[in-house]
Amino acid sequence: MNTMEQNILNKGQEVNKLPENYTVIDIETTGLSPTMNEIIQLSALKIKNDKIVDSFTSFVKPNGRISSFISSLTGITNDMVSAAPQIKDVLNDYIDFIGQDIIVGHNVHFDINFIHSKRIKYFNKGLSNNYVDTCKMSRKICPISSHKLDSVARYYNVDSTGHHRADNDCKMTFEIYNCMKKDLLSK
């Protein structure tokens, strides 16, 4: 087995518990492929006893230009990232912020795969944190047709202003996760 195959196997496992201590993550990217596209924003919220205790956010300067489609979707422009650090210069700070915490995210496989891919590329290390996927949770407990973050936010009356910006999406995910936990614990 080669190093890449070993690192892919070392990604964390999905957990079926409802942690009170965790880190919510979200990223924005230039596209959908972890190997072909780039991260343009990293954000995270550190949660202790179900309360936000710290936050991390950074724009990331990509090697290429951000397309007009991605700028329109995220509100992140080439000017906004022009003085930002490159991914290899900020990724370890982001990983240090997350630490060994359980990760919570909406469609979190997307984020984990990008972060894992970039860590392998620049540092030959993966990402092995266990995780909770609020998108997967919503499919089990929310009787709605779409399980996109903004749809689940609407279902729970969570403000979705600024959707598709990693820092705002982290806050939405945190609030949605707390709503889902209350739903599950009340049953």
N, C-alpha and C. Protein backbone atom coordinates (compact mmCIF):
# COMPACT_ATOMS: atom_id res chain seq x y z
N MET A 1 0.85 -1.18 0.00
CA MET A 1 0.00 0.00 0.00
C MET A 1 0.89 1.24 0.00
N ASN A 2 0.62 2.20 -0.90
CA ASN A 2 1.44 3.41 -0.95
C ASN A 2 1.00 4.41 0.12
N THR A 3 1.80 5.46 0.30
CA THR A 3 1.55 6.46 1.34
C THR A 3 0.20 7.13 1.17
N MET A 4 -0.17 7.46 -0.06
CA MET A 4 -1.46 8.11 -0.32
C MET A 4 -2.61 7.21 0.11
N GLU A 5 -2.54 5.92 -0.23
CA GLU A 5 -3.59 4.98 0.17
C GLU A 5 -3.67 4.87 1.69
N GLN A 6 -2.52 4.84 2.36
CA GLN A 6 -2.51 4.76 3.82
C GLN A 6 -3.14 6.01 4.43
N ASN A 7 -2.81 7.19 3.89
CA ASN A 7 -3.35 8.43 4.43
C ASN A 7 -4.86 8.52 4.24
N ILE A 8 -5.36 8.05 3.10
CA ILE A 8 -6.80 8.06 2.87
C ILE A 8 -7.49 7.16 3.89
N LEU A 9 -6.89 6.02 4.20
CA LEU A 9 -7.46 5.12 5.19
C LEU A 9 -7.44 5.72 6.58
N ASN A 10 -6.56 6.69 6.84
CA ASN A 10 -6.43 7.27 8.17
C ASN A 10 -7.36 8.45 8.43
N LYS A 11 -8.28 8.75 7.50
CA LYS A 11 -9.27 9.79 7.77
C LYS A 11 -10.14 9.32 8.92
N GLY A 12 -10.70 10.26 9.67
CA GLY A 12 -11.51 9.93 10.84
C GLY A 12 -12.79 9.17 10.50
N GLN A 13 -13.48 8.78 11.53
CA GLN A 13 -14.72 8.01 11.41
C GLN A 13 -15.92 8.86 11.81
N GLU A 14 -17.05 8.56 11.21
CA GLU A 14 -18.29 9.24 11.60
C GLU A 14 -18.69 8.74 12.98
N VAL A 15 -19.12 9.65 13.84
CA VAL A 15 -19.55 9.26 15.19
C VAL A 15 -21.06 9.38 15.28
N ASN A 16 -21.65 8.55 16.10
CA ASN A 16 -23.11 8.53 16.26
C ASN A 16 -23.54 9.07 17.61
N LYS A 17 -22.68 9.85 18.23
CA LYS A 17 -23.05 10.47 19.49
C LYS A 17 -23.25 11.96 19.24
N LEU A 18 -23.74 12.66 20.24
CA LEU A 18 -24.00 14.10 20.12
C LEU A 18 -23.06 14.85 21.06
N PRO A 19 -21.84 15.12 20.61
CA PRO A 19 -20.85 15.73 21.50
C PRO A 19 -21.24 17.15 21.92
N GLU A 20 -20.78 17.55 23.10
CA GLU A 20 -20.94 18.93 23.59
C GLU A 20 -19.67 19.73 23.34
N ASN A 21 -18.55 19.03 23.12
CA ASN A 21 -17.26 19.66 22.84
C ASN A 21 -16.81 19.21 21.46
N TYR A 22 -16.61 20.18 20.56
CA TYR A 22 -16.29 19.86 19.17
C TYR A 22 -15.84 21.13 18.46
N THR A 23 -15.47 21.00 17.20
CA THR A 23 -15.16 22.15 16.36
C THR A 23 -15.98 22.07 15.09
N VAL A 24 -16.74 23.13 14.82
CA VAL A 24 -17.51 23.25 13.58
C VAL A 24 -16.56 23.77 12.51
N ILE A 25 -16.55 23.15 11.34
CA ILE A 25 -15.69 23.63 10.25
C ILE A 25 -16.51 23.90 9.00
N ASP A 26 -15.98 24.78 8.18
CA ASP A 26 -16.51 25.01 6.84
C ASP A 26 -15.41 25.66 6.01
N ILE A 27 -15.41 25.36 4.73
CA ILE A 27 -14.46 25.98 3.80
C ILE A 27 -15.22 26.46 2.58
N GLU A 28 -14.62 27.38 1.86
CA GLU A 28 -15.09 27.78 0.54
C GLU A 28 -13.97 27.46 -0.44
N THR A 29 -14.34 27.04 -1.64
CA THR A 29 -13.37 26.57 -2.62
C THR A 29 -13.65 27.14 -4.00
N THR A 30 -12.71 26.93 -4.90
CA THR A 30 -12.88 27.40 -6.28
C THR A 30 -13.63 26.38 -7.14
N GLY A 31 -13.98 25.24 -6.59
CA GLY A 31 -14.68 24.20 -7.33
C GLY A 31 -14.91 22.98 -6.46
N LEU A 32 -15.25 21.87 -7.07
CA LEU A 32 -15.66 20.68 -6.33
C LEU A 32 -14.58 19.61 -6.16
N SER A 33 -13.47 19.73 -6.88
CA SER A 33 -12.44 18.69 -6.85
C SER A 33 -11.30 19.04 -5.89
N PRO A 34 -11.09 18.21 -4.85
CA PRO A 34 -9.99 18.47 -3.92
C PRO A 34 -8.61 18.48 -4.57
N THR A 35 -8.45 17.76 -5.68
CA THR A 35 -7.13 17.72 -6.32
C THR A 35 -6.97 18.82 -7.37
N MET A 36 -8.05 19.27 -7.97
CA MET A 36 -7.96 20.25 -9.05
C MET A 36 -8.27 21.68 -8.60
N ASN A 37 -9.07 21.83 -7.54
CA ASN A 37 -9.50 23.15 -7.11
C ASN A 37 -8.84 23.56 -5.81
N GLU A 38 -9.06 24.81 -5.41
CA GLU A 38 -8.35 25.37 -4.26
C GLU A 38 -9.29 25.88 -3.19
N ILE A 39 -8.79 25.90 -1.97
CA ILE A 39 -9.52 26.48 -0.83
C ILE A 39 -9.30 27.99 -0.86
N ILE A 40 -10.39 28.76 -0.68
CA ILE A 40 -10.26 30.22 -0.65
C ILE A 40 -10.70 30.82 0.69
N GLN A 41 -11.30 30.01 1.55
CA GLN A 41 -11.61 30.46 2.91
C GLN A 41 -11.69 29.25 3.83
N LEU A 42 -11.09 29.40 5.01
CA LEU A 42 -11.13 28.39 6.07
C LEU A 42 -11.78 29.02 7.28
N SER A 43 -12.75 28.36 7.88
CA SER A 43 -13.36 28.87 9.11
C SER A 43 -13.65 27.73 10.06
N ALA A 44 -13.67 28.05 11.35
CA ALA A 44 -13.97 27.05 12.38
C ALA A 44 -14.46 27.76 13.64
N LEU A 45 -15.32 27.08 14.38
CA LEU A 45 -15.79 27.53 15.68
C LEU A 45 -15.46 26.46 16.71
N LYS A 46 -14.78 26.84 17.77
CA LYS A 46 -14.46 25.92 18.86
C LYS A 46 -15.64 25.95 19.85
N ILE A 47 -16.19 24.78 20.14
CA ILE A 47 -17.36 24.67 21.00
C ILE A 47 -17.00 23.86 22.25
N LYS A 48 -17.30 24.42 23.41
CA LYS A 48 -17.11 23.72 24.69
C LYS A 48 -18.43 23.82 25.46
N ASN A 49 -18.92 22.70 25.92
CA ASN A 49 -20.21 22.65 26.63
C ASN A 49 -21.31 23.35 25.85
N ASP A 50 -21.34 23.09 24.55
CA ASP A 50 -22.34 23.63 23.63
C ASP A 50 -22.32 25.16 23.51
N LYS A 51 -21.20 25.79 23.83
CA LYS A 51 -21.05 27.25 23.70
C LYS A 51 -19.84 27.56 22.83
N ILE A 52 -19.96 28.59 21.99
CA ILE A 52 -18.82 29.03 21.18
C ILE A 52 -17.81 29.70 22.10
N VAL A 53 -16.57 29.19 22.10
CA VAL A 53 -15.53 29.77 22.95
C VAL A 53 -14.40 30.41 22.16
N ASP A 54 -14.30 30.09 20.86
CA ASP A 54 -13.23 30.66 20.04
C ASP A 54 -13.60 30.48 18.56
N SER A 55 -12.94 31.25 17.72
CA SER A 55 -13.20 31.13 16.28
C SER A 55 -11.92 31.33 15.49
N PHE A 56 -11.93 30.82 14.29
CA PHE A 56 -10.81 30.93 13.36
C PHE A 56 -11.40 31.20 11.99
N THR A 57 -10.89 32.19 11.30
CA THR A 57 -11.27 32.38 9.90
C THR A 57 -10.13 33.05 9.16
N SER A 58 -9.93 32.61 7.94
CA SER A 58 -8.89 33.19 7.10
C SER A 58 -9.28 33.03 5.64
N PHE A 59 -9.13 34.10 4.89
CA PHE A 59 -9.17 33.96 3.44
C PHE A 59 -7.88 33.28 3.03
N VAL A 60 -7.88 32.65 1.88
CA VAL A 60 -6.70 31.95 1.37
C VAL A 60 -6.48 32.40 -0.07
N LYS A 61 -5.25 32.78 -0.37
CA LYS A 61 -4.92 33.21 -1.73
C LYS A 61 -4.68 31.98 -2.60
N PRO A 62 -5.52 31.77 -3.61
CA PRO A 62 -5.31 30.62 -4.49
C PRO A 62 -4.19 30.90 -5.48
N ASN A 63 -3.67 29.85 -6.09
CA ASN A 63 -2.65 30.02 -7.13
C ASN A 63 -3.25 30.61 -8.40
N GLY A 64 -4.50 30.25 -8.68
CA GLY A 64 -5.19 30.79 -9.85
C GLY A 64 -6.18 31.86 -9.45
N ARG A 65 -6.96 32.31 -10.42
CA ARG A 65 -7.97 33.33 -10.15
C ARG A 65 -9.29 32.68 -9.74
N ILE A 66 -10.07 33.40 -8.96
CA ILE A 66 -11.40 32.97 -8.59
C ILE A 66 -12.34 33.32 -9.73
N SER A 67 -13.11 32.36 -10.19
CA SER A 67 -14.03 32.60 -11.32
C SER A 67 -15.16 33.53 -10.89
N SER A 68 -15.78 34.15 -11.87
CA SER A 68 -16.91 35.04 -11.58
C SER A 68 -18.07 34.25 -10.95
N PHE A 69 -18.24 32.98 -11.35
CA PHE A 69 -19.29 32.15 -10.76
C PHE A 69 -19.06 31.96 -9.26
N ILE A 70 -17.83 31.61 -8.87
CA ILE A 70 -17.51 31.39 -7.46
C ILE A 70 -17.61 32.70 -6.69
N SER A 71 -17.14 33.80 -7.27
CA SER A 71 -17.27 35.12 -6.61
C SER A 71 -18.73 35.46 -6.39
N SER A 72 -19.56 35.19 -7.38
CA SER A 72 -20.99 35.46 -7.27
C SER A 72 -21.64 34.58 -6.19
N LEU A 73 -21.23 33.32 -6.11
CA LEU A 73 -21.78 32.38 -5.13
C LEU A 73 -21.36 32.73 -3.71
N THR A 74 -20.07 33.01 -3.52
CA THR A 74 -19.51 33.18 -2.17
C THR A 74 -19.38 34.64 -1.74
N GLY A 75 -19.33 35.54 -2.70
CA GLY A 75 -19.03 36.93 -2.37
C GLY A 75 -17.55 37.18 -2.17
N ILE A 76 -16.73 36.15 -2.38
CA ILE A 76 -15.28 36.27 -2.21
C ILE A 76 -14.66 36.63 -3.56
N THR A 77 -13.96 37.76 -3.60
CA THR A 77 -13.38 38.25 -4.85
C THR A 77 -11.87 38.06 -4.85
N ASN A 78 -11.29 38.20 -6.03
CA ASN A 78 -9.83 38.12 -6.15
C ASN A 78 -9.15 39.21 -5.32
N ASP A 79 -9.74 40.39 -5.26
CA ASP A 79 -9.18 41.47 -4.43
C ASP A 79 -9.16 41.09 -2.96
N MET A 80 -10.20 40.42 -2.49
CA MET A 80 -10.29 40.05 -1.08
C MET A 80 -9.21 39.06 -0.66
N VAL A 81 -8.75 38.23 -1.58
CA VAL A 81 -7.75 37.21 -1.24
C VAL A 81 -6.34 37.59 -1.67
N SER A 82 -6.19 38.74 -2.31
CA SER A 82 -4.88 39.10 -2.89
C SER A 82 -3.77 39.20 -1.85
N ALA A 83 -4.09 39.62 -0.63
CA ALA A 83 -3.06 39.73 0.42
C ALA A 83 -3.17 38.60 1.45
N ALA A 84 -4.04 37.63 1.20
CA ALA A 84 -4.23 36.52 2.14
C ALA A 84 -3.07 35.53 2.03
N PRO A 85 -2.86 34.73 3.09
CA PRO A 85 -1.82 33.70 3.00
C PRO A 85 -2.22 32.59 2.03
N GLN A 86 -1.23 31.91 1.49
CA GLN A 86 -1.51 30.73 0.67
C GLN A 86 -1.85 29.57 1.60
N ILE A 87 -2.48 28.54 1.04
CA ILE A 87 -2.95 27.42 1.85
C ILE A 87 -1.82 26.76 2.64
N LYS A 88 -0.66 26.61 2.05
CA LYS A 88 0.45 25.95 2.76
C LYS A 88 0.92 26.76 3.96
N ASP A 89 0.62 28.07 3.97
CA ASP A 89 1.06 28.93 5.07
C ASP A 89 0.02 29.08 6.18
N VAL A 90 -1.22 28.67 5.94
CA VAL A 90 -2.27 28.84 6.95
C VAL A 90 -2.89 27.51 7.39
N LEU A 91 -2.72 26.46 6.61
CA LEU A 91 -3.40 25.20 6.89
C LEU A 91 -3.01 24.60 8.24
N ASN A 92 -1.75 24.63 8.60
CA ASN A 92 -1.35 24.06 9.89
C ASN A 92 -1.92 24.84 11.06
N ASP A 93 -2.06 26.17 10.92
CA ASP A 93 -2.71 26.96 11.98
C ASP A 93 -4.16 26.52 12.15
N TYR A 94 -4.82 26.28 11.04
CA TYR A 94 -6.21 25.82 11.05
C TYR A 94 -6.31 24.45 11.73
N ILE A 95 -5.43 23.54 11.35
CA ILE A 95 -5.42 22.20 11.94
C ILE A 95 -5.10 22.27 13.43
N ASP A 96 -4.15 23.13 13.81
CA ASP A 96 -3.84 23.31 15.23
C ASP A 96 -5.05 23.82 16.00
N PHE A 97 -5.82 24.73 15.39
CA PHE A 97 -7.03 25.25 16.03
C PHE A 97 -8.03 24.11 16.27
N ILE A 98 -8.21 23.26 15.29
CA ILE A 98 -9.14 22.13 15.42
C ILE A 98 -8.64 21.14 16.46
N GLY A 99 -7.34 20.90 16.49
CA GLY A 99 -6.77 19.94 17.42
C GLY A 99 -7.31 18.54 17.17
N GLN A 100 -7.57 17.81 18.24
CA GLN A 100 -8.10 16.45 18.14
C GLN A 100 -9.62 16.41 18.31
N ASP A 101 -10.25 17.58 18.27
CA ASP A 101 -11.70 17.65 18.47
C ASP A 101 -12.47 16.84 17.43
N ILE A 102 -13.65 16.41 17.82
CA ILE A 102 -14.61 15.90 16.85
C ILE A 102 -15.00 17.08 15.97
N ILE A 103 -15.07 16.85 14.67
CA ILE A 103 -15.45 17.88 13.71
C ILE A 103 -16.95 17.76 13.45
N VAL A 104 -17.63 18.91 13.42
CA VAL A 104 -19.03 18.96 13.01
C VAL A 104 -19.11 19.85 11.78
N GLY A 105 -19.80 19.38 10.76
CA GLY A 105 -19.96 20.17 9.54
C GLY A 105 -21.15 19.70 8.73
N HIS A 106 -21.59 20.54 7.83
CA HIS A 106 -22.72 20.20 6.95
C HIS A 106 -22.15 19.70 5.63
N ASN A 107 -22.49 18.47 5.27
CA ASN A 107 -21.86 17.79 4.13
C ASN A 107 -20.34 17.79 4.35
N VAL A 108 -19.96 17.42 5.54
CA VAL A 108 -18.58 17.58 6.02
C VAL A 108 -17.57 16.75 5.24
N HIS A 109 -18.01 15.72 4.53
CA HIS A 109 -17.07 14.95 3.71
C HIS A 109 -16.37 15.86 2.70
N PHE A 110 -17.11 16.80 2.14
CA PHE A 110 -16.54 17.74 1.18
C PHE A 110 -15.37 18.50 1.81
N ASP A 111 -15.60 19.08 2.99
CA ASP A 111 -14.57 19.86 3.67
C ASP A 111 -13.39 18.98 4.07
N ILE A 112 -13.69 17.83 4.66
CA ILE A 112 -12.63 16.92 5.10
C ILE A 112 -11.78 16.47 3.92
N ASN A 113 -12.41 16.13 2.80
CA ASN A 113 -11.64 15.68 1.64
C ASN A 113 -10.71 16.76 1.11
N PHE A 114 -11.17 18.01 1.06
CA PHE A 114 -10.30 19.11 0.63
C PHE A 114 -9.14 19.31 1.60
N ILE A 115 -9.45 19.39 2.89
CA ILE A 115 -8.41 19.62 3.89
C ILE A 115 -7.41 18.47 3.88
N HIS A 116 -7.93 17.26 3.84
CA HIS A 116 -7.08 16.06 3.80
C HIS A 116 -6.15 16.10 2.58
N SER A 117 -6.72 16.41 1.42
CA SER A 117 -5.95 16.45 0.17
C SER A 117 -4.83 17.50 0.24
N LYS A 118 -5.15 18.68 0.76
CA LYS A 118 -4.14 19.75 0.84
C LYS A 118 -3.06 19.42 1.87
N ARG A 119 -3.45 18.79 2.97
CA ARG A 119 -2.44 18.39 3.97
C ARG A 119 -1.51 17.32 3.41
N ILE A 120 -2.06 16.38 2.66
CA ILE A 120 -1.22 15.35 2.02
C ILE A 120 -0.27 16.03 1.04
N LYS A 121 -0.78 16.92 0.23
CA LYS A 121 0.02 17.58 -0.80
C LYS A 121 1.18 18.37 -0.20
N TYR A 122 0.91 19.14 0.85
CA TYR A 122 1.95 20.04 1.38
C TYR A 122 2.72 19.48 2.56
N PHE A 123 2.14 18.56 3.33
CA PHE A 123 2.79 18.12 4.56
C PHE A 123 2.86 16.60 4.71
N ASN A 124 2.35 15.86 3.72
CA ASN A 124 2.33 14.40 3.76
C ASN A 124 1.66 13.86 5.02
N LYS A 125 0.65 14.58 5.50
CA LYS A 125 -0.16 14.16 6.64
C LYS A 125 -1.62 14.34 6.26
N GLY A 126 -2.46 13.46 6.75
CA GLY A 126 -3.89 13.59 6.47
C GLY A 126 -4.63 14.30 7.58
N LEU A 127 -5.89 14.03 7.67
CA LEU A 127 -6.77 14.56 8.72
C LEU A 127 -7.51 13.37 9.30
N SER A 128 -7.32 13.10 10.58
CA SER A 128 -7.87 11.86 11.15
C SER A 128 -8.95 12.10 12.21
N ASN A 129 -9.44 13.32 12.33
CA ASN A 129 -10.48 13.60 13.33
C ASN A 129 -11.78 12.86 13.01
N ASN A 130 -12.45 12.40 14.04
CA ASN A 130 -13.79 11.86 13.87
C ASN A 130 -14.74 13.02 13.62
N TYR A 131 -15.94 12.73 13.11
CA TYR A 131 -16.80 13.82 12.67
C TYR A 131 -18.28 13.48 12.81
N VAL A 132 -19.09 14.53 12.80
CA VAL A 132 -20.55 14.45 12.75
C VAL A 132 -20.97 15.25 11.53
N ASP A 133 -21.81 14.66 10.69
CA ASP A 133 -22.29 15.33 9.48
C ASP A 133 -23.74 15.77 9.68
N THR A 134 -23.97 17.08 9.79
CA THR A 134 -25.32 17.58 10.02
C THR A 134 -26.22 17.38 8.80
N CYS A 135 -25.64 17.29 7.61
CA CYS A 135 -26.45 17.01 6.42
C CYS A 135 -27.04 15.60 6.52
N LYS A 136 -26.22 14.66 6.90
CA LYS A 136 -26.68 13.28 7.06
C LYS A 136 -27.72 13.19 8.18
N MET A 137 -27.47 13.92 9.28
CA MET A 137 -28.44 13.95 10.38
C MET A 137 -29.78 14.50 9.90
N SER A 138 -29.72 15.57 9.10
CA SER A 138 -30.96 16.22 8.66
C SER A 138 -31.79 15.28 7.79
N ARG A 139 -31.13 14.43 7.02
CA ARG A 139 -31.86 13.47 6.18
C ARG A 139 -32.68 12.49 7.03
N LYS A 140 -32.22 12.25 8.24
CA LYS A 140 -32.91 11.30 9.12
C LYS A 140 -34.03 11.96 9.92
N ILE A 141 -33.90 13.26 10.22
CA ILE A 141 -34.86 13.86 11.16
C ILE A 141 -35.66 15.04 10.63
N CYS A 142 -35.30 15.59 9.48
CA CYS A 142 -36.02 16.75 8.94
C CYS A 142 -36.86 16.34 7.74
N PRO A 143 -38.18 16.46 7.82
CA PRO A 143 -39.05 16.06 6.71
C PRO A 143 -39.11 17.14 5.62
N ILE A 144 -37.99 17.36 4.95
CA ILE A 144 -37.90 18.36 3.88
C ILE A 144 -37.29 17.71 2.65
N SER A 145 -37.52 18.31 1.49
CA SER A 145 -37.04 17.69 0.25
C SER A 145 -35.57 17.99 -0.03
N SER A 146 -35.10 19.16 0.37
CA SER A 146 -33.70 19.53 0.16
C SER A 146 -32.99 19.60 1.50
N HIS A 147 -31.80 19.05 1.55
CA HIS A 147 -31.04 19.06 2.79
C HIS A 147 -29.79 19.93 2.69
N LYS A 148 -29.82 20.89 1.75
CA LYS A 148 -28.75 21.88 1.67
C LYS A 148 -28.76 22.70 2.96
N LEU A 149 -27.64 23.30 3.28
CA LEU A 149 -27.51 24.05 4.53
C LEU A 149 -28.59 25.12 4.67
N ASP A 150 -28.82 25.91 3.63
CA ASP A 150 -29.82 26.98 3.75
C ASP A 150 -31.23 26.42 3.89
N SER A 151 -31.51 25.27 3.30
CA SER A 151 -32.83 24.64 3.44
C SER A 151 -33.06 24.15 4.86
N VAL A 152 -32.06 23.52 5.44
CA VAL A 152 -32.17 23.04 6.82
C VAL A 152 -32.26 24.24 7.76
N ALA A 153 -31.53 25.30 7.46
CA ALA A 153 -31.61 26.52 8.27
C ALA A 153 -33.04 27.07 8.26
N ARG A 154 -33.65 27.12 7.09
CA ARG A 154 -35.05 27.60 7.00
C ARG A 154 -35.98 26.71 7.82
N TYR A 155 -35.77 25.41 7.74
CA TYR A 155 -36.61 24.47 8.50
C TYR A 155 -36.56 24.78 9.99
N TYR A 156 -35.37 25.13 10.50
CA TYR A 156 -35.21 25.42 11.92
C TYR A 156 -35.29 26.91 12.25
N ASN A 157 -35.69 27.73 11.28
CA ASN A 157 -35.77 29.19 11.47
C ASN A 157 -34.44 29.79 11.91
N VAL A 158 -33.36 29.30 11.32
CA VAL A 158 -32.02 29.83 11.57
C VAL A 158 -31.70 30.82 10.45
N ASP A 159 -31.18 31.97 10.81
CA ASP A 159 -30.83 33.01 9.84
C ASP A 159 -29.76 32.48 8.88
N SER A 160 -30.03 32.58 7.58
CA SER A 160 -29.06 32.09 6.59
C SER A 160 -28.40 33.24 5.82
N THR A 161 -28.45 34.44 6.38
CA THR A 161 -27.78 35.58 5.76
C THR A 161 -26.28 35.29 5.64
N GLY A 162 -25.73 35.56 4.47
CA GLY A 162 -24.30 35.35 4.27
C GLY A 162 -23.94 33.91 3.96
N HIS A 163 -24.94 33.10 3.58
CA HIS A 163 -24.69 31.70 3.22
C HIS A 163 -23.64 31.64 2.10
N HIS A 164 -22.81 30.64 2.13
CA HIS A 164 -21.68 30.42 1.22
C HIS A 164 -20.48 31.29 1.57
N ARG A 165 -20.40 31.74 2.79
CA ARG A 165 -19.17 32.28 3.36
C ARG A 165 -18.88 31.36 4.54
N ALA A 166 -17.66 30.87 4.62
CA ALA A 166 -17.34 29.82 5.58
C ALA A 166 -17.63 30.23 7.02
N ASP A 167 -17.33 31.48 7.40
CA ASP A 167 -17.59 31.90 8.78
C ASP A 167 -19.08 31.89 9.09
N ASN A 168 -19.90 32.38 8.17
CA ASN A 168 -21.35 32.37 8.37
C ASN A 168 -21.92 30.96 8.35
N ASP A 169 -21.39 30.13 7.46
CA ASP A 169 -21.86 28.74 7.39
C ASP A 169 -21.52 27.97 8.66
N CYS A 170 -20.39 28.27 9.29
CA CYS A 170 -20.06 27.65 10.58
C CYS A 170 -21.11 28.02 11.63
N LYS A 171 -21.48 29.29 11.69
CA LYS A 171 -22.49 29.72 12.67
C LYS A 171 -23.83 29.05 12.40
N MET A 172 -24.22 28.98 11.13
CA MET A 172 -25.47 28.31 10.78
C MET A 172 -25.42 26.83 11.18
N THR A 173 -24.32 26.18 10.88
CA THR A 173 -24.18 24.75 11.21
C THR A 173 -24.25 24.54 12.71
N PHE A 174 -23.60 25.40 13.48
CA PHE A 174 -23.65 25.32 14.94
C PHE A 174 -25.10 25.41 15.44
N GLU A 175 -25.83 26.39 14.93
CA GLU A 175 -27.22 26.58 15.36
C GLU A 175 -28.11 25.42 14.93
N ILE A 176 -27.94 24.96 13.70
CA ILE A 176 -28.71 23.82 13.20
C ILE A 176 -28.42 22.56 14.01
N TYR A 177 -27.14 22.33 14.30
CA TYR A 177 -26.75 21.16 15.08
C TYR A 177 -27.42 21.18 16.45
N ASN A 178 -27.45 22.35 17.09
CA ASN A 178 -28.11 22.45 18.40
C ASN A 178 -29.61 22.19 18.29
N CYS A 179 -30.24 22.67 17.22
CA CYS A 179 -31.67 22.40 17.00
C CYS A 179 -31.90 20.90 16.80
N MET A 180 -31.05 20.26 16.02
CA MET A 180 -31.20 18.83 15.77
C MET A 180 -30.99 18.02 17.05
N LYS A 181 -30.01 18.44 17.85
CA LYS A 181 -29.78 17.74 19.12
C LYS A 181 -31.02 17.83 20.01
N LYS A 182 -31.63 19.01 20.07
CA LYS A 182 -32.85 19.17 20.88
C LYS A 182 -33.96 18.27 20.34
N ASP A 183 -34.11 18.23 19.01
CA ASP A 183 -35.11 17.35 18.40
C ASP A 183 -34.88 15.89 18.79
N LEU A 184 -33.64 15.44 18.67
CA LEU A 184 -33.32 14.05 18.97
C LEU A 184 -33.49 13.72 20.44
N LEU A 185 -33.10 14.65 21.31
CA LEU A 185 -33.17 14.40 22.74
C LEU A 185 -34.60 14.48 23.28
N SER A 186 -35.49 15.14 22.53
CA SER A 186 -36.88 15.26 22.98
C SER A 186 -37.73 14.07 22.56
N LYS A 187 -37.16 13.20 21.73
CA LYS A 187 -37.93 12.03 21.25
C LYS A 187 -37.80 10.85 22.17
